[in-house]
């Protein structure tokens, strides 16, 4: 994930015009970091509806 994330940030920064780069990176940061609480809610709901062994398989 780290290498793919770094590559994505690199590609975004090099593809954007300098005037819009800050805005685009702000949206990217919000999308990546800001969606964590919703993922946690989904994970909690799945945990209450799945057997423990299925949760272990899903977690990796």
C-alpha atoms as a PDB file:
ATOM      1  CA  UNK A   1       0.000   0.000   0.000  1.00  0.00           C
ATOM      2  CA  UNK A   2       2.786   2.403   0.839  1.00  0.00           C
ATOM      3  CA  UNK A   3       4.499   2.143  -2.551  1.00  0.00           C
ATOM      4  CA  UNK A   4       1.206   2.519  -4.412  1.00  0.00           C
ATOM      5  CA  UNK A   5       0.239   5.481  -2.240  1.00  0.00           C
ATOM      6  CA  UNK A   6       3.566   7.183  -2.871  1.00  0.00           C
ATOM      7  CA  UNK A   7       3.245   6.621  -6.597  1.00  0.00           C
ATOM      8  CA  UNK A   8      -0.287   8.036  -6.587  1.00  0.00           C
ATOM      9  CA  UNK A   9       0.824  11.182  -4.761  1.00  0.00           C
ATOM     10  CA  UNK A  10       3.740  11.587  -7.172  1.00  0.00           C
ATOM     11  CA  UNK A  11       1.492  11.226 -10.201  1.00  0.00           C
ATOM     12  CA  UNK A  12      -1.068  13.666  -8.816  1.00  0.00           C
ATOM     13  CA  UNK A  13       1.547  16.280  -8.032  1.00  0.00           C
ATOM     14  CA  UNK A  14       3.257  16.057 -11.398  1.00  0.00           C
ATOM     15  CA  UNK A  15       0.019  16.015 -13.405  1.00  0.00           C
ATOM     16  CA  UNK A  16      -1.540  19.075 -11.757  1.00  0.00           C
ATOM     17  CA  UNK A  17      -0.935  22.688 -12.593  1.00  0.00           C
ATOM     18  CA  UNK A  18       0.961  24.475  -9.849  1.00  0.00           C
ATOM     19  CA  UNK A  19      -1.981  26.782  -9.053  1.00  0.00           C
ATOM     20  CA  UNK A  20      -4.333  23.849  -8.383  1.00  0.00           C
ATOM     21  CA  UNK A  21      -1.908  21.435  -6.770  1.00  0.00           C
ATOM     22  CA  UNK A  22      -2.741  22.384  -3.178  1.00  0.00           C
ATOM     23  CA  UNK A  23      -6.468  21.999  -3.729  1.00  0.00           C
ATOM     24  CA  UNK A  24      -6.100  18.618  -5.379  1.00  0.00           C
ATOM     25  CA  UNK A  25      -3.776  17.325  -2.664  1.00  0.00           C
ATOM     26  CA  UNK A  26      -6.208  18.596  -0.018  1.00  0.00           C
ATOM     27  CA  UNK A  27      -9.044  16.630  -1.628  1.00  0.00           C
ATOM     28  CA  UNK A  28      -6.810  13.574  -1.936  1.00  0.00           C
ATOM     29  CA  UNK A  29      -5.839  13.781   1.750  1.00  0.00           C
ATOM     30  CA  UNK A  30      -9.470  14.194   2.770  1.00  0.00           C
ATOM     31  CA  UNK A  31     -10.495  11.197   0.667  1.00  0.00           C
ATOM     32  CA  UNK A  32      -7.739   8.962   2.050  1.00  0.00           C
ATOM     33  CA  UNK A  33      -7.758  10.002   5.710  1.00  0.00           C
ATOM     34  CA  UNK A  34     -11.277  11.328   6.036  1.00  0.00           C
ATOM     35  CA  UNK A  35     -12.998   8.098   5.051  1.00  0.00           C
ATOM     36  CA  UNK A  36     -11.418   6.087   7.886  1.00  0.00           C
ATOM     37  CA  UNK A  37     -14.303   6.640  10.364  1.00  0.00           C
ATOM     38  CA  UNK A  38     -16.823   5.341   7.837  1.00  0.00           C
ATOM     39  CA  UNK A  39     -14.673   2.284   7.212  1.00  0.00           C
ATOM     40  CA  UNK A  40     -14.522   1.677  10.957  1.00  0.00           C
ATOM     41  CA  UNK A  41     -18.313   1.850  11.190  1.00  0.00           C
ATOM     42  CA  UNK A  42     -18.644  -0.641   8.354  1.00  0.00           C
ATOM     43  CA  UNK A  43     -16.063  -2.911   9.945  1.00  0.00           C
ATOM     44  CA  UNK A  44     -17.923  -2.842  13.262  1.00  0.00           C
ATOM     45  CA  UNK A  45     -21.190  -3.698  11.567  1.00  0.00           C
ATOM     46  CA  UNK A  46     -19.574  -6.569   9.670  1.00  0.00           C
ATOM     47  CA  UNK A  47     -18.012  -7.848  12.886  1.00  0.00           C
ATOM     48  CA  UNK A  48     -21.406  -8.076  14.536  1.00  0.00           C
ATOM     49  CA  UNK A  49     -22.863  -9.991  11.591  1.00  0.00           C
ATOM     50  CA  UNK A  50     -20.053 -12.420  10.773  1.00  0.00           C
ATOM     51  CA  UNK A  51     -18.558 -15.412  12.529  1.00  0.00           C
ATOM     52  CA  UNK A  52     -15.168 -14.904  14.143  1.00  0.00           C
ATOM     53  CA  UNK A  53     -13.301 -17.155  11.706  1.00  0.00           C
ATOM     54  CA  UNK A  54     -14.699 -15.180   8.763  1.00  0.00           C
ATOM     55  CA  UNK A  55     -13.494 -11.931  10.343  1.00  0.00           C
ATOM     56  CA  UNK A  56     -10.022 -13.422  10.752  1.00  0.00           C
ATOM     57  CA  UNK A  57      -9.968 -14.455   7.092  1.00  0.00           C
ATOM     58  CA  UNK A  58     -11.157 -11.031   5.992  1.00  0.00           C
ATOM     59  CA  UNK A  59      -8.503  -9.265   8.074  1.00  0.00           C
ATOM     60  CA  UNK A  60      -5.747 -11.266   6.431  1.00  0.00           C
END
